[in-house]
Structure formats: structure tokens, C-alpha cells
Protein backbone atom coordinates (compact mmCIF):
# COMPACT_ATOMS: atom_id res chain seq x y z
CA UNK A 1 19.26 -22.79 39.30
CA UNK A 2 19.75 -19.10 38.70
CA UNK A 3 18.84 -16.77 41.54
CA UNK A 4 16.22 -14.08 41.30
CA UNK A 5 16.90 -10.47 42.08
CA UNK A 6 15.47 -10.76 45.60
CA UNK A 7 17.99 -13.42 46.58
CA UNK A 8 20.86 -11.62 44.88
CA UNK A 9 20.13 -8.55 46.96
CA UNK A 10 19.49 -10.34 50.24
CA UNK A 11 22.09 -8.20 52.00
CA UNK A 12 20.47 -4.98 50.87
CA UNK A 13 16.95 -6.10 49.99
CA UNK A 14 15.23 -2.82 50.80
CA UNK A 15 17.44 -0.72 48.58
CA UNK A 16 17.41 -3.36 45.85
CA UNK A 17 13.61 -3.62 45.92
CA UNK A 18 13.17 0.15 45.59
CA UNK A 19 15.64 0.21 42.70
CA UNK A 20 13.98 -2.63 40.80
CA UNK A 21 10.46 -1.29 41.43
CA UNK A 22 11.42 2.07 39.98
CA UNK A 23 12.99 0.38 36.96
CA UNK A 24 9.86 -1.69 36.28
CA UNK A 25 7.51 1.29 36.65
CA UNK A 26 9.52 3.50 34.35
CA UNK A 27 9.96 0.70 31.82
CA UNK A 28 6.20 0.16 31.86
CA UNK A 29 5.64 3.88 31.24
CA UNK A 30 8.16 3.80 28.38
CA UNK A 31 6.50 0.78 26.75
CA UNK A 32 3.05 2.36 27.15
CA UNK A 33 4.32 5.52 25.48
CA UNK A 34 5.76 3.55 22.55
CA UNK A 35 2.52 1.59 22.16
CA UNK A 36 0.60 4.87 22.07
CA UNK A 37 2.92 6.12 19.34
CA UNK A 38 2.36 2.88 17.41
CA UNK A 39 -1.44 3.28 17.65
CA UNK A 40 -1.31 6.85 16.32
CA UNK A 41 0.96 5.70 13.47
CA UNK A 42 -1.59 3.03 12.54
CA UNK A 43 -4.44 5.56 12.62
CA UNK A 44 -2.57 7.97 10.35
CA UNK A 45 -1.60 5.14 7.99
CA UNK A 46 -5.24 4.06 7.79
CA UNK A 47 -6.29 7.61 7.00
CA UNK A 48 -3.69 7.89 4.21
CA UNK A 49 -4.88 4.55 2.78
CA UNK A 50 -8.53 5.70 2.78
CA UNK A 51 -7.62 8.92 0.98
CA UNK A 52 -5.54 6.98 -1.57
CA UNK A 53 -8.46 4.62 -2.16
CA UNK A 54 -10.77 7.62 -2.62
CA UNK A 55 -8.45 9.07 -5.28
CA UNK A 56 -8.47 5.81 -7.20
CA UNK A 57 -12.24 5.39 -6.94
CA UNK A 58 -12.88 8.95 -8.20
CA UNK A 59 -10.62 8.26 -11.18
CA UNK A 60 -12.50 5.02 -11.85
CA UNK A 61 -15.92 6.68 -11.44
CA UNK A 62 -15.75 8.37 -14.85
CA UNK A 63 -14.88 5.13 -16.65
CA UNK A 64 -18.47 3.77 -16.87
CA UNK A 65 -19.64 6.97 -18.58
CA UNK A 66 -16.72 6.90 -21.03
CA UNK A 67 -17.29 3.22 -21.78
CA UNK A 68 -21.05 3.81 -22.14
CA UNK A 69 -20.50 6.46 -24.81
CA UNK A 70 -18.20 4.06 -26.67
CA UNK A 71 -20.22 0.85 -26.40
CA UNK A 72 -23.71 1.93 -25.36
CA UNK A 73 -23.72 -0.97 -22.87
CA UNK A 74 -26.27 -0.21 -20.13
CA UNK A 75 -24.40 -2.53 -17.78
CA UNK A 76 -22.06 0.42 -17.22
CA UNK A 77 -24.82 1.91 -15.07
CA UNK A 78 -24.38 -0.97 -12.63
CA UNK A 79 -20.64 -0.36 -12.53
CA UNK A 80 -21.37 3.31 -11.82
CA UNK A 81 -23.69 2.43 -8.92
CA UNK A 82 -21.08 0.06 -7.49
CA UNK A 83 -18.36 2.73 -7.59
CA UNK A 84 -20.69 5.32 -6.04
CA UNK A 85 -21.30 2.91 -3.16
CA UNK A 86 -17.56 2.37 -2.65
CA UNK A 87 -16.84 6.11 -2.71
CA UNK A 88 -19.71 6.88 -0.33
CA UNK A 89 -18.41 4.25 2.10
CA UNK A 90 -14.84 5.57 1.87
CA UNK A 91 -16.00 9.16 2.38
CA UNK A 92 -18.03 8.08 5.41
CA UNK A 93 -14.98 6.38 6.92
CA UNK A 94 -12.83 9.47 6.32
CA UNK A 95 -15.44 11.68 8.00
CA UNK A 96 -15.34 9.53 11.16
CA UNK A 97 -11.62 10.20 11.66
CA UNK A 98 -11.03 12.54 14.59
CA UNK A 99 -8.51 15.33 15.28
CA UNK A 100 -8.99 17.13 11.97
CA UNK A 101 -7.81 20.62 11.18
CA UNK A 102 -10.22 23.27 9.95
CA UNK A 103 -8.62 23.05 6.51
CA UNK A 104 -9.21 19.29 6.34
CA UNK A 105 -12.84 19.74 7.33
CA UNK A 106 -13.37 22.37 4.63
CA UNK A 107 -11.72 20.20 1.98
CA UNK A 108 -13.87 17.21 3.00
CA UNK A 109 -16.99 19.34 2.62
CA UNK A 110 -15.83 20.48 -0.84
CA UNK A 111 -15.03 16.90 -1.85
CA UNK A 112 -18.43 15.71 -0.62
CA UNK A 113 -20.23 18.43 -2.61
CA UNK A 114 -18.03 17.79 -5.64
CA UNK A 115 -18.76 14.08 -5.49
CA UNK A 116 -22.50 14.76 -5.52
CA UNK A 117 -22.13 17.12 -8.47
CA UNK A 118 -19.93 14.61 -10.32
CA UNK A 119 -22.59 11.91 -9.77
CA UNK A 120 -25.17 14.18 -11.34
CA UNK A 121 -22.98 14.86 -14.36
CA UNK A 122 -22.28 11.16 -14.87
CA UNK A 123 -25.93 10.23 -14.36
CA UNK A 124 -26.84 12.66 -17.11
CA UNK A 125 -24.41 10.90 -19.44
CA UNK A 126 -25.18 7.26 -18.68
CA UNK A 127 -28.92 7.84 -18.98
CA UNK A 128 -28.49 9.35 -22.44
CA UNK A 129 -30.24 7.31 -25.10
CA UNK A 130 -28.23 6.39 -28.24
CA UNK A 131 -24.92 7.58 -26.74
CA UNK A 132 -22.59 6.19 -29.41
CA UNK A 133 -21.20 8.95 -31.67
CA UNK A 134 -23.29 11.53 -29.81
CA UNK A 135 -21.30 14.76 -30.22
CA UNK A 136 -23.26 16.57 -27.53
CA UNK A 137 -22.53 13.79 -25.04
CA UNK A 138 -18.86 13.81 -26.04
CA UNK A 139 -18.65 17.46 -25.01
CA UNK A 140 -20.22 16.64 -21.67
CA UNK A 141 -17.61 13.88 -21.19
CA UNK A 142 -14.81 16.42 -21.50
CA UNK A 143 -16.53 18.60 -18.92
CA UNK A 144 -17.03 15.56 -16.66
CA UNK A 145 -13.38 14.49 -16.94
CA UNK A 146 -12.17 18.01 -16.17
CA UNK A 147 -14.45 18.17 -13.12
CA UNK A 148 -13.23 14.74 -11.94
CA UNK A 149 -9.60 15.87 -12.29
CA UNK A 150 -10.36 19.00 -10.25
CA UNK A 151 -11.99 16.84 -7.56
CA UNK A 152 -8.96 14.53 -7.55
CA UNK A 153 -6.72 17.56 -7.02
CA UNK A 154 -8.72 18.48 -3.91
CA UNK A 155 -8.35 14.93 -2.59
CA UNK A 156 -4.61 15.15 -3.34
CA UNK A 157 -4.49 18.20 -1.09
CA UNK A 158 -6.15 16.16 1.65
CA UNK A 159 -3.58 13.41 1.03
CA UNK A 160 -0.77 15.96 1.27
CA UNK A 161 -2.07 17.21 4.63
CA UNK A 162 -2.30 13.64 5.96
CA UNK A 163 1.27 12.92 4.82
CA UNK A 164 2.50 16.08 6.56
CA UNK A 165 0.73 14.95 9.71
CA UNK A 166 2.48 11.59 9.45
CA UNK A 167 5.85 13.31 8.97
CA UNK A 168 5.18 15.57 11.94
CA UNK A 169 4.12 12.58 14.04
CA UNK A 170 7.31 10.73 13.09
CA UNK A 171 9.42 13.69 14.22
CA UNK A 172 7.46 13.98 17.48
CA UNK A 173 7.70 10.22 18.05
CA UNK A 174 11.47 10.39 17.64
CA UNK A 175 11.60 13.23 20.17
CA UNK A 176 9.54 11.18 22.64
CA UNK A 177 11.82 8.20 22.24
CA UNK A 178 14.89 10.37 22.63
CA UNK A 179 13.45 12.08 25.70
CA UNK A 180 12.49 8.73 27.21
CA UNK A 181 15.97 7.43 26.59
CA UNK A 182 17.60 10.52 28.09
CA UNK A 183 15.40 10.39 31.20
CA UNK A 184 15.99 6.67 31.51
CA UNK A 185 19.77 7.09 31.34
CA UNK A 186 19.66 10.08 33.70
CA UNK A 187 17.77 8.21 36.41
CA UNK A 188 19.89 5.14 35.89
CA UNK A 189 22.99 7.20 36.57
CA UNK A 190 21.41 8.80 39.67
CA UNK A 191 20.25 5.49 41.07
CA UNK A 192 23.38 3.53 40.23
CA UNK A 193 25.53 6.19 41.89
CA UNK A 194 23.88 5.28 45.20
CA UNK A 195 24.63 1.60 44.85
CA UNK A 196 28.37 1.49 44.34
CA UNK A 197 28.78 -1.39 46.75
CA UNK A 198 26.01 -3.40 45.09
CA UNK A 199 27.47 -2.66 41.63
CA UNK A 200 30.79 -4.20 42.61
CA UNK A 201 29.24 -7.17 44.40
CA UNK A 202 26.76 -8.23 41.73
CA UNK A 203 28.44 -6.84 38.60
CA UNK A 204 27.64 -9.86 36.48
CA UNK A 205 24.16 -10.39 37.88
CA UNK A 206 22.46 -7.04 37.28
CA UNK A 207 24.66 -4.28 35.87
CA UNK A 208 25.64 -5.91 32.60
CA UNK A 209 22.07 -6.97 31.74
CA UNK A 210 20.85 -3.46 32.55
CA UNK A 211 23.50 -1.97 30.29
CA UNK A 212 22.34 -4.29 27.54
CA UNK A 213 18.78 -3.05 28.04
CA UNK A 214 19.92 0.57 28.00
CA UNK A 215 21.75 0.01 24.75
CA UNK A 216 18.65 -1.70 23.36
CA UNK A 217 16.50 1.31 24.22
CA UNK A 218 19.00 3.57 22.45
CA UNK A 219 19.22 1.41 19.35
CA UNK A 220 15.46 0.76 19.13
CA UNK A 221 14.80 4.45 19.78
CA UNK A 222 16.87 5.23 16.67
CA UNK A 223 14.70 2.93 14.55
CA UNK A 224 16.73 -0.30 14.41
CA UNK A 225 13.85 -2.72 15.05
CA UNK A 226 15.99 -5.76 14.11
CA UNK A 227 18.12 -5.33 17.22
CA UNK A 228 17.74 -8.11 19.79
CA UNK A 229 18.43 -7.77 23.50
CA UNK A 230 20.59 -10.64 24.78
CA UNK A 231 20.00 -11.15 28.50
CA UNK A 232 20.51 -14.56 30.12
CA UNK A 233 20.21 -13.83 33.82
CA UNK A 234 17.12 -15.98 34.30
CA UNK A 235 15.40 -13.32 36.41
CA UNK A 236 13.04 -10.40 35.94
CA UNK A 237 15.55 -8.50 33.86
CA UNK A 238 15.57 -11.27 31.29
CA UNK A 239 11.77 -11.04 31.15
CA UNK A 240 12.10 -7.31 30.58
CA UNK A 241 14.58 -7.98 27.78
CA UNK A 242 12.12 -10.40 26.19
CA UNK A 243 9.42 -7.71 26.37
CA UNK A 244 11.72 -5.25 24.62
CA UNK A 245 12.36 -7.86 21.95
CA UNK A 246 8.64 -8.55 21.62
CA UNK A 247 7.89 -4.84 21.40
CA UNK A 248 10.52 -4.32 18.70
CA UNK A 249 9.20 -7.34 16.80
CA UNK A 250 5.63 -6.06 17.03
CA UNK A 251 6.62 -2.60 15.80
CA UNK A 252 8.57 -4.11 12.92
CA UNK A 253 5.66 -6.36 11.89
CA UNK A 254 3.23 -3.43 11.96
CA UNK A 255 5.57 -1.27 9.88
CA UNK A 256 6.06 -4.04 7.32
CA UNK A 257 2.32 -4.68 7.22
CA UNK A 258 1.59 -1.00 6.58
CA UNK A 259 4.23 -0.85 3.83
CA UNK A 260 2.88 -4.02 2.22
CA UNK A 261 -0.71 -2.77 2.30
CA UNK A 262 0.33 0.48 0.68
CA UNK A 263 1.75 -1.27 -2.42
CA UNK A 264 -0.31 -4.49 -2.68
CA UNK A 265 -3.59 -5.17 -4.49
CA UNK A 266 -6.06 -6.73 -2.05
CA UNK A 267 -7.55 -9.28 -4.47
CA UNK A 268 -4.60 -10.59 -6.50
CA UNK A 269 -1.76 -9.91 -4.02
CA UNK A 270 0.13 -8.34 -6.92
CA UNK A 271 1.63 -4.87 -6.70
CA UNK A 272 -0.97 -2.13 -7.05
CA UNK A 273 -1.12 0.77 -9.49
CA UNK A 274 0.60 3.13 -7.08
CA UNK A 275 3.68 0.92 -6.76
CA UNK A 276 3.65 0.20 -10.49
CA UNK A 277 3.85 3.92 -11.29
CA UNK A 278 6.73 4.44 -8.84
CA UNK A 279 8.64 1.42 -10.18
CA UNK A 280 8.08 2.36 -13.82
CA UNK A 281 9.24 5.91 -13.15
CA UNK A 282 12.47 4.57 -11.59
CA UNK A 283 13.13 2.27 -14.55
CA UNK A 284 12.26 5.00 -17.06
CA UNK A 285 14.76 7.41 -15.51
CA UNK A 286 17.42 4.68 -15.45
CA UNK A 287 17.07 3.71 -19.11
CA UNK A 288 16.95 7.34 -20.17
CA UNK A 289 20.18 8.05 -18.32
CA UNK A 290 22.11 4.91 -19.27
CA UNK A 291 20.51 4.23 -22.69
CA UNK A 292 19.26 0.76 -21.76
CA UNK A 293 16.23 -1.27 -22.89
CA UNK A 294 12.84 -1.21 -21.19
CA UNK A 295 9.53 -2.77 -22.26
CA UNK A 296 5.99 -2.71 -20.95
CA UNK A 297 3.18 -5.24 -21.42
CA UNK A 298 -0.43 -4.12 -20.90
CA UNK A 299 -2.93 -6.98 -20.42
CA UNK A 300 -6.73 -7.03 -20.41
CA UNK A 301 -9.03 -10.00 -19.76
CA UNK A 302 -11.35 -10.53 -22.73
CA UNK A 303 -15.09 -10.27 -22.08
CA UNK A 304 -14.47 -10.07 -18.33
CA UNK A 305 -17.54 -7.93 -17.72
CA UNK A 306 -19.70 -10.62 -19.29
CA UNK A 307 -18.24 -13.23 -16.96
CA UNK A 308 -18.88 -10.97 -13.95
CA UNK A 309 -22.43 -10.21 -15.07
CA UNK A 310 -23.25 -13.93 -15.15
CA UNK A 311 -21.21 -15.27 -12.23
CA UNK A 312 -20.90 -12.07 -10.17
CA UNK A 313 -17.77 -10.58 -8.65
CA UNK A 314 -16.63 -13.35 -6.23
CA UNK A 315 -16.04 -15.79 -9.10
CA UNK A 316 -14.63 -12.96 -11.19
CA UNK A 317 -12.11 -12.38 -8.41
CA UNK A 318 -11.05 -16.04 -8.70
CA UNK A 319 -10.31 -15.42 -12.39
CA UNK A 320 -8.22 -12.39 -11.45
CA UNK A 321 -6.29 -14.45 -8.89
CA UNK A 322 -5.69 -17.27 -11.37
CA UNK A 323 -4.34 -14.95 -14.05
CA UNK A 324 -2.20 -13.15 -11.47
CA UNK A 325 -0.68 -16.51 -10.49
CA UNK A 326 0.07 -17.35 -14.15
CA UNK A 327 1.73 -13.97 -14.70
CA UNK A 328 3.81 -14.24 -11.54
CA UNK A 329 5.08 -17.74 -12.27
CA UNK A 330 5.86 -17.06 -15.93
CA UNK A 331 7.82 -13.79 -15.82
CA UNK A 332 11.39 -13.39 -14.66
CA UNK A 333 12.31 -12.48 -11.09
CA UNK A 334 13.53 -9.08 -12.26
CA UNK A 335 10.16 -8.24 -13.87
CA UNK A 336 7.39 -6.41 -12.02
CA UNK A 337 3.78 -7.59 -12.32
CA UNK A 338 0.98 -5.30 -11.10
CA UNK A 339 -2.77 -4.97 -11.28
CA UNK A 340 -3.44 -1.72 -13.12
CA UNK A 341 -7.22 -1.18 -12.91
CA UNK A 342 -10.21 -3.52 -12.91
CA UNK A 343 -9.30 -6.45 -15.21
CA UNK A 344 -6.09 -4.82 -16.52
CA UNK A 345 -2.60 -5.96 -15.58
CA UNK A 346 0.83 -4.54 -16.45
CA UNK A 347 4.32 -6.02 -16.53
CA UNK A 348 7.54 -3.96 -16.40
CA UNK A 349 10.41 -5.68 -18.22
CA UNK A 350 13.80 -4.08 -17.41
CA UNK A 351 16.72 -4.67 -19.79
CA UNK A 352 14.27 -6.06 -22.36
CA UNK A 353 13.78 -5.16 -26.03
CA UNK A 354 10.60 -5.43 -28.08
CA UNK A 355 11.42 -8.90 -29.46
CA UNK A 356 11.73 -10.70 -26.14
CA UNK A 357 8.80 -8.73 -24.71
CA UNK A 358 6.60 -9.84 -27.61
CA UNK A 359 7.71 -13.46 -27.19
CA UNK A 360 6.93 -13.35 -23.49
CA UNK A 361 3.54 -11.75 -24.16
CA UNK A 362 2.66 -14.55 -26.59
CA UNK A 363 3.72 -17.13 -24.03
CA UNK A 364 1.51 -15.52 -21.41
CA UNK A 365 -1.40 -15.46 -23.85
CA UNK A 366 -1.06 -19.19 -24.47
CA UNK A 367 -0.67 -20.02 -20.77
CA UNK A 368 -3.94 -18.24 -19.98
CA UNK A 369 -5.79 -19.63 -23.02
CA UNK A 370 -4.99 -23.23 -22.14
CA UNK A 371 -5.49 -22.88 -18.39
CA UNK A 372 -8.63 -24.63 -17.17
CA UNK A 373 -10.52 -21.81 -15.46
CA UNK A 374 -13.87 -22.72 -13.86
CA UNK A 375 -17.06 -21.52 -15.62
CA UNK A 376 -15.11 -20.44 -18.70
CA UNK A 377 -17.50 -22.19 -21.09
CA UNK A 378 -19.85 -19.17 -21.10
CA UNK A 379 -17.14 -17.02 -22.75
CA UNK A 380 -17.52 -16.39 -26.52
CA UNK A 381 -14.48 -18.56 -27.27
CA UNK A 382 -15.35 -21.13 -24.62
CA UNK A 383 -12.21 -20.21 -22.63
CA UNK A 384 -10.82 -17.35 -20.60
CA UNK A 385 -8.46 -15.37 -22.84
CA UNK A 386 -6.44 -12.17 -22.66
CA UNK A 387 -5.37 -9.46 -25.07
CA UNK A 388 -1.90 -7.93 -24.74
CA UNK A 389 -0.27 -4.72 -25.91
CA UNK A 390 3.54 -4.40 -25.95
CA UNK A 391 5.57 -1.19 -26.06
CA UNK A 392 9.27 -0.43 -25.61
CA UNK A 393 11.24 2.64 -24.62
CA UNK A 394 12.28 5.01 -27.39
CA UNK A 395 14.38 8.15 -27.06
CA UNK A 396 11.49 10.32 -28.27
CA UNK A 397 9.35 9.32 -25.28
CA UNK A 398 9.22 12.17 -22.80
CA UNK A 399 7.68 10.43 -19.79
CA UNK A 400 6.23 7.18 -18.48
CA UNK A 401 2.82 8.43 -19.58
CA UNK A 402 3.97 8.15 -23.20
CA UNK A 403 5.16 4.57 -22.66
CA UNK A 404 1.89 3.61 -20.95
CA UNK A 405 -0.06 5.30 -23.72
CA UNK A 406 1.79 3.29 -26.38
CA UNK A 407 1.21 -0.01 -24.55
CA UNK A 408 -2.45 0.82 -24.04
CA UNK A 409 -2.85 1.74 -27.71
CA UNK A 410 -1.32 -1.61 -28.71
CA UNK A 411 -3.72 -3.34 -26.32
CA UNK A 412 -6.72 -1.70 -27.94
CA UNK A 413 -5.45 -2.72 -31.37
CA UNK A 414 -5.40 -6.29 -30.09
CA UNK A 415 -8.97 -5.86 -28.89
CA UNK A 416 -10.12 -4.40 -32.19
CA UNK A 417 -8.38 -7.18 -34.13
CA UNK A 418 -10.52 -9.82 -32.42
CA UNK A 419 -9.01 -10.25 -28.91
CA UNK A 420 -6.86 -13.15 -27.64
CA UNK A 421 -3.77 -11.81 -29.38
CA UNK A 422 -0.62 -9.73 -28.95
CA UNK A 423 -0.05 -6.39 -30.67
CA UNK A 424 2.92 -4.03 -30.52
């Protein structure tokens, strides 16, 4: 049986007890400080996520009005009301966040007023009778889109401020860790200098484990959360080492969770639009530099709004999940599948020309068409189907926006040609 610290220091129990008590207290203070830093990091990450969601919702808010002018479908009014509710909820959550600067407060007030004004503009459009080919309404759409873009710019400013706060917090957190480490080492040196006899007598029982812990603090303080403390003394120091390991594991899990949430769609578990844009931009720059192939597939679920209108959103979400699973299991490991917006999906195909991309798109179309989705009999074709648009990189494309535009145009040609098909 391994001895505890009390028995190891039986010859100098008073001095040993004072030393260990100080070590425990300071370690507890250090852990409390790191947990406080973790909590603030989570709060800032949540704020950034809320602002990102608000940007996306504002961009989506103008879609019902645009679709209404194209189709005249009054169901777009319900979509508008749903988005207004989501934005109002997100704004309310942002307003409850504390420790704001005066600039943030002013921007939030402007965004709130702008949101109300944007609602009024959209309401004027979606309540217009006979909207299709209405030139007057088309002019109002341009004004609405410009106003929405201006509002998004204000939210981007809020996002920029939040990111700067996160950067500042990261710097301050590093300083705290460094200061904690320096103080810890300083006091260790002071205390250990008074216990020369004990150091020599119990070298293998206390000093080496403590040095391991000190090194762990240094390594973890520099951000290496994979580092594991190896202490096998069987006493309180080993417990302390386990706590350091648990703390590092907890911090790592939280960081990974925050990173995953930032790039993952909550319904389908695919990558979200934000990650898709970053990944596509990386691939676009690579193919432009090295003259390689790159293709993009844009996918839209046919008559999805009709399915949602009849079966409501929970069952519609099951359709989204099913299609996401088909896409994920069909594409290559090197391909990137993401949910773009609503019922739209996108697939990035690196090192892929138009021929293979078209073949893959057709395969995906068939996989979805012959998959037995529940409640698909109410669809016009009696099955859930998708339309796909395929586009590939050309040297005349100036940016990823051009590639997305080409894929989207091909998608709409597939829609106009009768749906459930692939167009390039």
C-alpha cells in the first residue's frame, strides 16, 4: 500500500502540512480562475453565434417577398411571420447579454429600428395583390434588398466588435495563465528552498510528482490541452494530477463543441453555409493558383414547401435529415456536403471536372428518387425528388460568387424544365 503525504512527512508533519495546505489552496484558486475564463469564453462564443444567426435570418427575411413576387404564393406570408419570430427571439437574446459597450448598445438600437422598418417594407410587398410582373413592386424589392444589405452591414459591425472582444479575452486569458504559472513557480521555489532536507529524503515521493504538475501547468497554460499529467504516487498529489487532467479534458471538449457548433447545421448535422463559404473559397484559390479542376453541385428539394405546409416542419426536418444522409454516404470522403439555405444543399467536389460531377449528380438524384421517404405520396410525383445544378471552375470566373451563381442558374433551369433532373 502506498503511503499518504501525512505518513511520508511523519518526521516533519507540521512543516509538511503547511506546505501541502498552501499547495492545495493555490491550486484551487488557479483552477477557479481557469473555470472563470472558460465561462467567459462560452458567453462570448454564444454571443457571436447569436449575431451570426441574426445575420443569416435577416438575409433570409427578404426571400419570402422575392418569392411572392415571382410565384404569387400567399404561403410566403407564413414564412415571413416565422422568420420575424426567429429574428425577434434572437434580438431579444442579444439584448439580454451584459457588459456591452456604448457602441454595441447604439448599434443594437439601430438594428432593432432597422428590423422594424424592414418588416414594414416587406409587409407592403407581400400584401400586394397580383404581385407577379408588377413593375412597381419590383422597384420596391430593390429598395428592400438594399435596406436589408445595409442592416446586415450594421450587424456585421456588431459581429466584428464581438470578435474583437473574444480576441481581447483570449489575450487576457493567456496573461492570467502565464501570471498564475509564474506565481505558482515563484512560491514553489520559495517553499521548496525551506525544505532541503525533506527534498532529499522524499525525492521520489513528492518532488518528482510536483515537478510533473508544474510542467503540466506550463504546457496547459500554453494551450496544449492534449497533455496528460502522469502521477502515480497514490496520494493527494495524484488526485490533483487527475483534476488537472479532467480540467484540460473539459476545456478541450468545450473548445471542440464551440468549434463544431460554429460550422454545423443544427438539423442535418451537415456543414453550415458559413463553413461552406470558407471551404469553397479555399478550394477556389487553390484551383486558380495551380490550374486544377473544381466543381459545385447545387441541390433543391422539389415541392418541399408543399410537404411542409401539409405535414409541418418536424416531418419536413426528417426529410432534410434523410437527404443529408444520402448525400453524405454517396459522395467521396474528399467532397464537402453542406446545407446552404432552407431546402437547398451544396456539394464541393475538389479535383473534379464537369463530367464526373454530372454523373455524381445523376446518381444522387436517383438515390433520392427511389428512397422510401415517409408521407411522400402527397408529392406531385408521388415521391420525394430533388433538382440539381452543376457548375465547374473556368478561368474567366473571378470569385466564388460567380461559381455559385452558375450552379444556382443551372439549378433553376432544372426546376423550369420540370424538376427531378440534373442541369449544367
